Amino acid sequence: MNEVTILSIVLGMIGTVCAIVFGYSTYKRNQKSDDTSQGKSSGTILTEIGYIKSGVDDIKRKQEKQDEHHIEVISRITAVESSAKQAHHRLNRLEGKEGDWQ
């Protein structure tokens, strides 16, 4: 073998090794960049989900308060209806018309 052939073989091997090293380093750099990008995206999505969950919790709390208020109003209306019925009975007794109101 002559020197040119040996030189071309050595240069080919060095070029192959360099291509492998540069390819691997580029792969690692892009993987880190992709991981960072994906992490930011996931973080943004999780933050938005947290805001939505917080809003839903607020709505549930307000709805529970409304339900309690509704129950209170119903019980007060029932008491007022009972009181009005008793008042009508008393008025009917005073007027002498006991059987008219039911």
N, C-alpha and C. Protein backbone atom coordinates (compact mmCIF):
# COMPACT_ATOMS: atom_id res chain seq x y z
N MET A 1 0.84 -1.17 0.00
CA MET A 1 0.00 0.00 0.00
C MET A 1 0.89 1.24 0.00
N ASN A 2 0.41 2.16 -0.72
CA ASN A 2 1.22 3.37 -0.76
C ASN A 2 0.72 4.37 0.27
N GLU A 3 1.41 5.43 0.44
CA GLU A 3 1.12 6.42 1.48
C GLU A 3 -0.19 7.15 1.24
N VAL A 4 -0.59 7.38 0.04
CA VAL A 4 -1.83 8.08 -0.28
C VAL A 4 -3.02 7.23 0.15
N THR A 5 -2.94 5.96 -0.07
CA THR A 5 -4.02 5.07 0.31
C THR A 5 -4.16 5.03 1.83
N ILE A 6 -3.03 4.92 2.51
CA ILE A 6 -3.07 4.88 3.98
C ILE A 6 -3.60 6.21 4.51
N LEU A 7 -3.17 7.31 3.93
CA LEU A 7 -3.64 8.63 4.36
C LEU A 7 -5.14 8.78 4.13
N SER A 8 -5.63 8.30 3.01
CA SER A 8 -7.07 8.41 2.75
C SER A 8 -7.87 7.51 3.70
N ILE A 9 -7.34 6.36 4.05
CA ILE A 9 -8.02 5.48 5.00
C ILE A 9 -8.06 6.13 6.39
N VAL A 10 -6.94 6.68 6.83
CA VAL A 10 -6.87 7.35 8.14
C VAL A 10 -7.81 8.55 8.16
N LEU A 11 -7.77 9.37 7.11
CA LEU A 11 -8.68 10.53 7.05
C LEU A 11 -10.15 10.09 7.03
N GLY A 12 -10.45 9.02 6.35
CA GLY A 12 -11.83 8.50 6.33
C GLY A 12 -12.27 8.05 7.72
N MET A 13 -11.34 7.38 8.45
CA MET A 13 -11.68 6.94 9.82
C MET A 13 -11.87 8.14 10.75
N ILE A 14 -10.97 9.13 10.63
CA ILE A 14 -11.08 10.33 11.48
C ILE A 14 -12.38 11.06 11.15
N GLY A 15 -12.72 11.16 9.88
CA GLY A 15 -13.97 11.82 9.48
C GLY A 15 -15.19 11.09 10.01
N THR A 16 -15.14 9.76 9.98
CA THR A 16 -16.25 8.97 10.50
C THR A 16 -16.41 9.17 12.01
N VAL A 17 -15.29 9.12 12.73
CA VAL A 17 -15.34 9.33 14.19
C VAL A 17 -15.85 10.73 14.51
N CYS A 18 -15.36 11.74 13.78
CA CYS A 18 -15.82 13.12 14.00
C CYS A 18 -17.31 13.25 13.71
N ALA A 19 -17.78 12.62 12.67
CA ALA A 19 -19.21 12.68 12.34
C ALA A 19 -20.05 12.05 13.44
N ILE A 20 -19.57 10.93 13.98
CA ILE A 20 -20.29 10.28 15.08
C ILE A 20 -20.31 11.17 16.32
N VAL A 21 -19.15 11.76 16.68
CA VAL A 21 -19.07 12.63 17.86
C VAL A 21 -19.95 13.85 17.68
N PHE A 22 -19.88 14.53 16.53
CA PHE A 22 -20.70 15.72 16.29
C PHE A 22 -22.19 15.38 16.25
N GLY A 23 -22.51 14.26 15.65
CA GLY A 23 -23.92 13.82 15.60
C GLY A 23 -24.46 13.55 16.99
N TYR A 24 -23.68 12.90 17.83
CA TYR A 24 -24.13 12.61 19.20
C TYR A 24 -24.27 13.88 20.02
N SER A 25 -23.31 14.81 19.89
CA SER A 25 -23.39 16.06 20.65
C SER A 25 -24.59 16.89 20.19
N THR A 26 -24.87 16.90 18.91
CA THR A 26 -26.05 17.61 18.40
C THR A 26 -27.33 16.97 18.91
N TYR A 27 -27.36 15.65 18.95
CA TYR A 27 -28.53 14.93 19.47
C TYR A 27 -28.77 15.30 20.93
N LYS A 28 -27.71 15.32 21.74
CA LYS A 28 -27.85 15.65 23.17
C LYS A 28 -28.32 17.10 23.34
N ARG A 29 -27.75 18.03 22.56
CA ARG A 29 -28.14 19.43 22.68
C ARG A 29 -29.62 19.61 22.30
N ASN A 30 -30.04 18.98 21.23
CA ASN A 30 -31.44 19.09 20.82
C ASN A 30 -32.37 18.40 21.80
N GLN A 31 -31.92 17.33 22.41
CA GLN A 31 -32.75 16.64 23.40
C GLN A 31 -32.98 17.54 24.61
N LYS A 32 -31.94 18.23 25.07
CA LYS A 32 -32.09 19.16 26.19
C LYS A 32 -33.04 20.29 25.81
N SER A 33 -32.90 20.80 24.61
CA SER A 33 -33.77 21.88 24.14
C SER A 33 -35.22 21.40 24.05
N ASP A 34 -35.41 20.20 23.54
CA ASP A 34 -36.75 19.63 23.45
C ASP A 34 -37.35 19.40 24.83
N ASP A 35 -36.54 18.90 25.77
CA ASP A 35 -37.02 18.67 27.13
C ASP A 35 -37.43 19.98 27.79
N THR A 36 -36.63 21.02 27.58
CA THR A 36 -36.96 22.33 28.15
C THR A 36 -38.26 22.86 27.56
N SER A 37 -38.40 22.75 26.27
CA SER A 37 -39.61 23.22 25.60
C SER A 37 -40.83 22.44 26.08
N GLN A 38 -40.68 21.14 26.18
CA GLN A 38 -41.80 20.30 26.63
C GLN A 38 -42.15 20.61 28.09
N GLY A 39 -41.13 20.86 28.91
CA GLY A 39 -41.37 21.21 30.32
C GLY A 39 -42.13 22.51 30.45
N LYS A 40 -41.76 23.51 29.64
CA LYS A 40 -42.48 24.78 29.67
C LYS A 40 -43.93 24.60 29.26
N SER A 41 -44.13 23.81 28.22
CA SER A 41 -45.49 23.57 27.74
C SER A 41 -46.32 22.84 28.80
N SER A 42 -45.74 21.82 29.41
CA SER A 42 -46.47 21.07 30.45
C SER A 42 -46.76 21.95 31.65
N GLY A 43 -45.79 22.80 32.02
CA GLY A 43 -45.99 23.71 33.15
C GLY A 43 -47.12 24.69 32.89
N THR A 44 -47.17 25.21 31.67
CA THR A 44 -48.24 26.15 31.31
C THR A 44 -49.60 25.47 31.37
N ILE A 45 -49.67 24.27 30.85
CA ILE A 45 -50.94 23.53 30.86
C ILE A 45 -51.37 23.24 32.29
N LEU A 46 -50.44 22.80 33.13
CA LEU A 46 -50.79 22.50 34.53
C LEU A 46 -51.23 23.76 35.27
N THR A 47 -50.60 24.89 34.97
CA THR A 47 -51.00 26.15 35.60
C THR A 47 -52.42 26.52 35.19
N GLU A 48 -52.72 26.39 33.92
CA GLU A 48 -54.07 26.71 33.43
C GLU A 48 -55.10 25.77 34.06
N ILE A 49 -54.78 24.50 34.17
CA ILE A 49 -55.69 23.55 34.81
C ILE A 49 -55.92 23.93 36.27
N GLY A 50 -54.86 24.39 36.93
CA GLY A 50 -54.99 24.85 38.32
C GLY A 50 -55.95 26.03 38.43
N TYR A 51 -55.83 26.99 37.49
CA TYR A 51 -56.74 28.14 37.50
C TYR A 51 -58.18 27.70 37.27
N ILE A 52 -58.38 26.77 36.36
CA ILE A 52 -59.73 26.27 36.09
C ILE A 52 -60.29 25.57 37.33
N LYS A 53 -59.47 24.74 37.96
CA LYS A 53 -59.91 24.03 39.17
C LYS A 53 -60.28 25.01 40.27
N SER A 54 -59.48 26.05 40.42
CA SER A 54 -59.77 27.07 41.43
C SER A 54 -61.10 27.76 41.13
N GLY A 55 -61.35 28.07 39.87
CA GLY A 55 -62.62 28.70 39.49
C GLY A 55 -63.81 27.80 39.75
N VAL A 56 -63.66 26.51 39.45
CA VAL A 56 -64.74 25.55 39.70
C VAL A 56 -65.01 25.44 41.20
N ASP A 57 -63.93 25.43 42.01
CA ASP A 57 -64.11 25.36 43.46
C ASP A 57 -64.86 26.59 43.97
N ASP A 58 -64.53 27.77 43.45
CA ASP A 58 -65.24 28.99 43.84
C ASP A 58 -66.72 28.91 43.49
N ILE A 59 -67.01 28.41 42.30
CA ILE A 59 -68.40 28.27 41.87
C ILE A 59 -69.14 27.30 42.78
N LYS A 60 -68.51 26.19 43.14
CA LYS A 60 -69.14 25.22 44.04
C LYS A 60 -69.44 25.84 45.40
N ARG A 61 -68.48 26.62 45.94
CA ARG A 61 -68.70 27.26 47.23
C ARG A 61 -69.88 28.23 47.16
N LYS A 62 -69.94 29.01 46.10
CA LYS A 62 -71.04 29.97 45.94
C LYS A 62 -72.37 29.24 45.79
N GLN A 63 -72.36 28.13 45.07
CA GLN A 63 -73.59 27.37 44.89
C GLN A 63 -74.06 26.77 46.22
N GLU A 64 -73.12 26.30 47.04
CA GLU A 64 -73.50 25.76 48.34
C GLU A 64 -74.11 26.85 49.21
N LYS A 65 -73.54 28.06 49.16
CA LYS A 65 -74.11 29.18 49.93
C LYS A 65 -75.51 29.50 49.43
N GLN A 66 -75.71 29.48 48.11
CA GLN A 66 -77.03 29.74 47.54
C GLN A 66 -78.02 28.67 47.99
N ASP A 67 -77.58 27.40 48.01
CA ASP A 67 -78.45 26.31 48.46
C ASP A 67 -78.87 26.52 49.92
N GLU A 68 -77.90 26.90 50.77
CA GLU A 68 -78.22 27.16 52.18
C GLU A 68 -79.21 28.31 52.30
N HIS A 69 -78.98 29.37 51.54
CA HIS A 69 -79.89 30.52 51.57
C HIS A 69 -81.28 30.12 51.08
N HIS A 70 -81.35 29.30 50.04
CA HIS A 70 -82.62 28.83 49.50
C HIS A 70 -83.38 28.02 50.56
N ILE A 71 -82.68 27.14 51.26
CA ILE A 71 -83.32 26.33 52.30
C ILE A 71 -83.84 27.24 53.42
N GLU A 72 -83.06 28.26 53.78
CA GLU A 72 -83.48 29.19 54.82
C GLU A 72 -84.74 29.94 54.39
N VAL A 73 -84.77 30.39 53.13
CA VAL A 73 -85.94 31.12 52.63
C VAL A 73 -87.16 30.22 52.62
N ILE A 74 -86.99 28.97 52.20
CA ILE A 74 -88.12 28.03 52.18
C ILE A 74 -88.68 27.82 53.59
N SER A 75 -87.77 27.64 54.56
CA SER A 75 -88.26 27.42 55.93
C SER A 75 -88.96 28.67 56.47
N ARG A 76 -88.45 29.85 56.11
CA ARG A 76 -89.11 31.08 56.55
C ARG A 76 -90.47 31.25 55.88
N ILE A 77 -90.57 30.91 54.61
CA ILE A 77 -91.86 30.99 53.91
C ILE A 77 -92.87 30.04 54.54
N THR A 78 -92.40 28.83 54.89
CA THR A 78 -93.29 27.87 55.54
C THR A 78 -93.80 28.42 56.86
N ALA A 79 -92.90 29.05 57.63
CA ALA A 79 -93.32 29.64 58.92
C ALA A 79 -94.31 30.78 58.69
N VAL A 80 -94.08 31.60 57.66
CA VAL A 80 -94.99 32.72 57.37
C VAL A 80 -96.35 32.18 56.93
N GLU A 81 -96.36 31.14 56.11
CA GLU A 81 -97.64 30.56 55.68
C GLU A 81 -98.40 30.00 56.87
N SER A 82 -97.70 29.35 57.78
CA SER A 82 -98.35 28.80 58.97
C SER A 82 -98.91 29.93 59.83
N SER A 83 -98.12 30.98 59.99
CA SER A 83 -98.57 32.13 60.79
C SER A 83 -99.78 32.80 60.14
N ALA A 84 -99.75 32.92 58.79
CA ALA A 84 -100.88 33.53 58.09
C ALA A 84 -102.13 32.68 58.24
N LYS A 85 -101.97 31.37 58.20
CA LYS A 85 -103.12 30.47 58.35
C LYS A 85 -103.74 30.63 59.75
N GLN A 86 -102.86 30.71 60.76
CA GLN A 86 -103.37 30.90 62.12
C GLN A 86 -104.06 32.25 62.26
N ALA A 87 -103.49 33.27 61.62
CA ALA A 87 -104.10 34.60 61.70
C ALA A 87 -105.48 34.59 61.03
N HIS A 88 -105.62 33.90 59.90
CA HIS A 88 -106.92 33.80 59.25
C HIS A 88 -107.92 33.05 60.13
N HIS A 89 -107.46 32.00 60.81
CA HIS A 89 -108.35 31.28 61.73
C HIS A 89 -108.83 32.21 62.84
N ARG A 90 -107.93 33.00 63.39
CA ARG A 90 -108.32 33.93 64.46
C ARG A 90 -109.30 34.98 63.95
N LEU A 91 -109.00 35.50 62.72
CA LEU A 91 -109.92 36.50 62.16
C LEU A 91 -111.30 35.89 61.91
N ASN A 92 -111.32 34.68 61.40
CA ASN A 92 -112.60 34.02 61.15
C ASN A 92 -113.36 33.78 62.45
N ARG A 93 -112.64 33.41 63.50
CA ARG A 93 -113.31 33.22 64.79
C ARG A 93 -113.88 34.54 65.31
N LEU A 94 -113.09 35.61 65.11
CA LEU A 94 -113.57 36.91 65.57
C LEU A 94 -114.81 37.35 64.79
N GLU A 95 -114.87 36.97 63.52
CA GLU A 95 -116.02 37.35 62.71
C GLU A 95 -117.14 36.33 62.82
N GLY A 96 -116.87 35.21 63.45
CA GLY A 96 -117.89 34.20 63.62
C GLY A 96 -118.03 33.28 62.43
N LYS A 97 -117.01 33.16 61.62
CA LYS A 97 -117.06 32.32 60.41
C LYS A 97 -116.00 31.21 60.52
N GLU A 98 -116.08 30.41 61.48
CA GLU A 98 -115.04 29.42 61.79
C GLU A 98 -114.75 28.46 60.65
N GLY A 99 -115.67 28.00 59.90
CA GLY A 99 -115.46 26.95 58.89
C GLY A 99 -115.02 27.44 57.53
N ASP A 100 -114.92 28.74 57.29
CA ASP A 100 -114.64 29.23 55.94
C ASP A 100 -113.17 29.05 55.50
N TRP A 101 -112.26 29.15 56.38
CA TRP A 101 -110.84 29.08 56.00
C TRP A 101 -110.27 27.68 56.27
N GLN A 102 -109.52 27.18 55.33
CA GLN A 102 -108.95 25.84 55.51
C GLN A 102 -107.48 25.89 55.44
